[in-house]
Amino acid sequence: MKWLQGTYTQRFNRRHGVYGHLFQGRYEASVIDGEEAGYFLAASTYIHLNPVRAGLIRETEPLQQYHWSSFPFYLLPVKKRPG
């Protein structure tokens, strides 16, 4: 991740004539504990609402219309979901 972020940042800055950090903070991976009751639901809700919090879609716009989310697949019956 360090190499990818560094290389991409250098190329982006060169192309756009800017300088400095492109990504703020370190990459962080957290373990989602599926054993704890309600934790998976809370983590999933947090992840799927990020586009709204980031202002990528309006609060009045249906979350299903955000193309980069897996949320619409959770609305399908279990048998119709991708593997």
N, C-alpha and C. Protein backbone atom coordinates (compact mmCIF):
# COMPACT_ATOMS: atom_id res chain seq x y z
N MET A 1 0.82 -1.19 0.00
CA MET A 1 0.00 0.00 0.00
C MET A 1 0.87 1.26 0.00
N LYS A 2 1.98 1.20 0.72
CA LYS A 2 2.86 2.37 0.78
C LYS A 2 3.39 2.71 -0.61
N TRP A 3 3.85 1.69 -1.34
CA TRP A 3 4.37 1.92 -2.69
C TRP A 3 3.28 2.45 -3.61
N LEU A 4 2.09 1.85 -3.56
CA LEU A 4 0.98 2.26 -4.41
C LEU A 4 0.60 3.71 -4.15
N GLN A 5 0.43 4.07 -2.89
CA GLN A 5 0.04 5.44 -2.56
C GLN A 5 1.13 6.44 -2.95
N GLY A 6 2.39 6.08 -2.71
CA GLY A 6 3.48 6.99 -3.04
C GLY A 6 3.61 7.21 -4.54
N THR A 7 3.56 6.13 -5.31
CA THR A 7 3.68 6.23 -6.77
C THR A 7 2.50 6.99 -7.36
N TYR A 8 1.29 6.64 -6.94
CA TYR A 8 0.10 7.31 -7.46
C TYR A 8 0.13 8.80 -7.12
N THR A 9 0.51 9.13 -5.89
CA THR A 9 0.56 10.53 -5.47
C THR A 9 1.56 11.32 -6.31
N GLN A 10 2.73 10.76 -6.56
CA GLN A 10 3.73 11.45 -7.38
C GLN A 10 3.22 11.70 -8.78
N ARG A 11 2.62 10.71 -9.38
CA ARG A 11 2.10 10.86 -10.75
C ARG A 11 0.94 11.84 -10.80
N PHE A 12 0.04 11.77 -9.82
CA PHE A 12 -1.09 12.69 -9.77
C PHE A 12 -0.60 14.12 -9.61
N ASN A 13 0.33 14.34 -8.68
CA ASN A 13 0.86 15.69 -8.45
C ASN A 13 1.55 16.24 -9.68
N ARG A 14 2.33 15.41 -10.36
CA ARG A 14 3.03 15.84 -11.57
C ARG A 14 2.02 16.20 -12.67
N ARG A 15 1.01 15.38 -12.85
CA ARG A 15 0.01 15.61 -13.90
C ARG A 15 -0.80 16.88 -13.64
N HIS A 16 -1.13 17.14 -12.39
CA HIS A 16 -2.00 18.28 -12.06
C HIS A 16 -1.24 19.50 -11.56
N GLY A 17 0.08 19.42 -11.50
CA GLY A 17 0.87 20.57 -11.10
C GLY A 17 0.69 20.97 -9.65
N VAL A 18 0.46 20.01 -8.79
CA VAL A 18 0.30 20.28 -7.36
C VAL A 18 1.37 19.52 -6.59
N TYR A 19 1.45 19.73 -5.29
CA TYR A 19 2.42 19.02 -4.46
C TYR A 19 1.80 18.72 -3.11
N GLY A 20 2.43 17.82 -2.41
CA GLY A 20 1.97 17.49 -1.06
C GLY A 20 1.27 16.14 -1.00
N HIS A 21 0.70 15.87 0.16
CA HIS A 21 0.03 14.59 0.40
C HIS A 21 -1.29 14.52 -0.36
N LEU A 22 -1.55 13.39 -0.94
CA LEU A 22 -2.83 13.19 -1.62
C LEU A 22 -3.79 12.44 -0.70
N PHE A 23 -3.25 11.46 0.01
CA PHE A 23 -4.05 10.68 0.95
C PHE A 23 -3.62 11.07 2.36
N GLN A 24 -4.59 11.31 3.21
CA GLN A 24 -4.28 11.70 4.59
C GLN A 24 -4.34 10.47 5.49
N GLY A 25 -3.40 10.36 6.37
CA GLY A 25 -3.40 9.27 7.34
C GLY A 25 -2.92 7.96 6.74
N ARG A 26 -2.73 7.00 7.62
CA ARG A 26 -2.25 5.69 7.22
C ARG A 26 -3.40 4.80 6.79
N TYR A 27 -3.07 3.84 5.94
CA TYR A 27 -4.03 2.79 5.59
C TYR A 27 -4.23 1.93 6.82
N GLU A 28 -5.46 1.61 7.14
CA GLU A 28 -5.73 0.82 8.33
C GLU A 28 -6.75 -0.26 8.02
N ALA A 29 -6.47 -1.46 8.40
CA ALA A 29 -7.40 -2.57 8.26
C ALA A 29 -7.84 -3.00 9.65
N SER A 30 -9.14 -3.13 9.82
CA SER A 30 -9.66 -3.55 11.12
C SER A 30 -10.39 -4.88 10.97
N VAL A 31 -10.25 -5.73 11.95
CA VAL A 31 -10.94 -7.01 11.95
C VAL A 31 -12.37 -6.78 12.40
N ILE A 32 -13.31 -7.36 11.65
CA ILE A 32 -14.72 -7.28 12.04
C ILE A 32 -15.05 -8.58 12.76
N ASP A 33 -15.38 -8.47 14.02
CA ASP A 33 -15.67 -9.64 14.85
C ASP A 33 -17.11 -10.06 14.64
N GLY A 34 -17.31 -11.15 13.90
CA GLY A 34 -18.65 -11.63 13.62
C GLY A 34 -19.31 -12.33 14.79
N GLU A 35 -18.56 -12.60 15.84
CA GLU A 35 -19.10 -13.30 17.00
C GLU A 35 -19.92 -12.37 17.90
N GLU A 36 -19.54 -11.12 17.96
CA GLU A 36 -20.21 -10.18 18.85
C GLU A 36 -21.56 -9.77 18.25
N ALA A 37 -22.61 -9.87 19.03
CA ALA A 37 -23.96 -9.59 18.55
C ALA A 37 -24.10 -8.14 18.10
N GLY A 38 -24.57 -7.94 16.89
CA GLY A 38 -24.84 -6.60 16.38
C GLY A 38 -23.65 -5.88 15.80
N TYR A 39 -22.43 -6.40 16.00
CA TYR A 39 -21.24 -5.69 15.52
C TYR A 39 -21.16 -5.68 14.00
N PHE A 40 -21.46 -6.81 13.37
CA PHE A 40 -21.42 -6.87 11.91
C PHE A 40 -22.43 -5.91 11.31
N LEU A 41 -23.62 -5.85 11.86
CA LEU A 41 -24.65 -4.92 11.38
C LEU A 41 -24.19 -3.47 11.52
N ALA A 42 -23.59 -3.13 12.65
CA ALA A 42 -23.10 -1.76 12.86
C ALA A 42 -21.99 -1.42 11.87
N ALA A 43 -21.06 -2.35 11.64
CA ALA A 43 -19.96 -2.11 10.70
C ALA A 43 -20.48 -1.99 9.27
N SER A 44 -21.42 -2.83 8.89
CA SER A 44 -21.99 -2.79 7.55
C SER A 44 -22.75 -1.48 7.31
N THR A 45 -23.51 -1.05 8.31
CA THR A 45 -24.24 0.21 8.20
C THR A 45 -23.28 1.38 8.05
N TYR A 46 -22.21 1.38 8.84
CA TYR A 46 -21.20 2.44 8.76
C TYR A 46 -20.59 2.50 7.36
N ILE A 47 -20.20 1.35 6.83
CA ILE A 47 -19.58 1.29 5.51
C ILE A 47 -20.53 1.77 4.42
N HIS A 48 -21.77 1.30 4.45
CA HIS A 48 -22.71 1.64 3.39
C HIS A 48 -23.20 3.08 3.44
N LEU A 49 -23.10 3.73 4.59
CA LEU A 49 -23.52 5.13 4.70
C LEU A 49 -22.38 6.12 4.43
N ASN A 50 -21.16 5.62 4.23
CA ASN A 50 -20.03 6.50 3.94
C ASN A 50 -20.25 7.42 2.74
N PRO A 51 -20.84 6.96 1.62
CA PRO A 51 -21.07 7.88 0.49
C PRO A 51 -21.96 9.07 0.86
N VAL A 52 -22.92 8.86 1.76
CA VAL A 52 -23.80 9.94 2.20
C VAL A 52 -23.01 10.92 3.06
N ARG A 53 -22.22 10.38 4.00
CA ARG A 53 -21.43 11.23 4.90
C ARG A 53 -20.38 12.03 4.14
N ALA A 54 -19.84 11.44 3.08
CA ALA A 54 -18.80 12.12 2.29
C ALA A 54 -19.40 13.10 1.29
N GLY A 55 -20.72 13.14 1.18
CA GLY A 55 -21.37 14.08 0.25
C GLY A 55 -21.34 13.62 -1.19
N LEU A 56 -21.11 12.32 -1.42
CA LEU A 56 -21.09 11.80 -2.78
C LEU A 56 -22.50 11.62 -3.33
N ILE A 57 -23.45 11.44 -2.45
CA ILE A 57 -24.86 11.41 -2.82
C ILE A 57 -25.63 12.22 -1.78
N ARG A 58 -26.77 12.74 -2.18
CA ARG A 58 -27.59 13.52 -1.26
C ARG A 58 -28.34 12.58 -0.31
N GLU A 59 -28.69 13.09 0.85
CA GLU A 59 -29.41 12.28 1.83
C GLU A 59 -30.78 11.85 1.32
N THR A 60 -31.35 12.63 0.41
CA THR A 60 -32.66 12.29 -0.13
C THR A 60 -32.58 11.31 -1.29
N GLU A 61 -31.39 11.08 -1.81
CA GLU A 61 -31.19 10.16 -2.93
C GLU A 61 -31.11 8.72 -2.41
N PRO A 62 -31.80 7.79 -3.07
CA PRO A 62 -31.74 6.39 -2.59
C PRO A 62 -30.32 5.83 -2.67
N LEU A 63 -29.91 5.18 -1.61
CA LEU A 63 -28.57 4.60 -1.54
C LEU A 63 -28.37 3.52 -2.60
N GLN A 64 -29.45 2.88 -3.05
CA GLN A 64 -29.36 1.84 -4.07
C GLN A 64 -28.83 2.39 -5.39
N GLN A 65 -28.94 3.70 -5.64
CA GLN A 65 -28.53 4.29 -6.90
C GLN A 65 -27.03 4.62 -6.94
N TYR A 66 -26.34 4.47 -5.81
CA TYR A 66 -24.91 4.74 -5.79
C TYR A 66 -24.20 3.54 -6.42
N HIS A 67 -23.56 3.76 -7.56
CA HIS A 67 -23.03 2.66 -8.38
C HIS A 67 -21.87 1.91 -7.73
N TRP A 68 -21.17 2.51 -6.81
CA TRP A 68 -19.96 1.91 -6.26
C TRP A 68 -20.21 1.18 -4.94
N SER A 69 -21.46 0.92 -4.63
CA SER A 69 -21.80 0.27 -3.37
C SER A 69 -22.33 -1.14 -3.61
N SER A 70 -22.09 -2.03 -2.66
CA SER A 70 -22.65 -3.38 -2.72
C SER A 70 -24.01 -3.44 -2.03
N PHE A 71 -24.47 -2.31 -1.51
CA PHE A 71 -25.73 -2.27 -0.77
C PHE A 71 -26.91 -2.87 -1.54
N PRO A 72 -27.10 -2.59 -2.85
CA PRO A 72 -28.24 -3.17 -3.55
C PRO A 72 -28.27 -4.70 -3.52
N PHE A 73 -27.11 -5.34 -3.45
CA PHE A 73 -27.07 -6.81 -3.41
C PHE A 73 -27.62 -7.35 -2.09
N TYR A 74 -27.49 -6.58 -1.01
CA TYR A 74 -28.03 -7.01 0.27
C TYR A 74 -29.55 -6.97 0.27
N LEU A 75 -30.14 -6.22 -0.65
CA LEU A 75 -31.60 -6.13 -0.73
C LEU A 75 -32.21 -7.28 -1.51
N LEU A 76 -31.38 -8.01 -2.26
CA LEU A 76 -31.85 -9.15 -3.04
C LEU A 76 -32.08 -10.36 -2.14
N PRO A 77 -32.96 -11.29 -2.57
CA PRO A 77 -33.07 -12.55 -1.82
C PRO A 77 -31.72 -13.27 -1.81
N VAL A 78 -31.44 -14.04 -0.80
CA VAL A 78 -30.15 -14.70 -0.63
C VAL A 78 -29.77 -15.54 -1.86
N LYS A 79 -30.70 -16.21 -2.47
CA LYS A 79 -30.41 -17.08 -3.62
C LYS A 79 -30.00 -16.30 -4.86
N LYS A 80 -30.37 -15.02 -4.94
CA LYS A 80 -30.06 -14.21 -6.12
C LYS A 80 -28.79 -13.37 -5.96
N ARG A 81 -28.18 -13.40 -4.79
CA ARG A 81 -26.96 -12.63 -4.53
C ARG A 81 -25.77 -13.30 -5.20
N PRO A 82 -24.80 -12.49 -5.64
CA PRO A 82 -23.58 -13.10 -6.20
C PRO A 82 -22.82 -13.88 -5.12
N GLY A 83 -22.04 -14.85 -5.56
CA GLY A 83 -21.28 -15.68 -4.61
C GLY A 83 -20.18 -14.93 -3.91
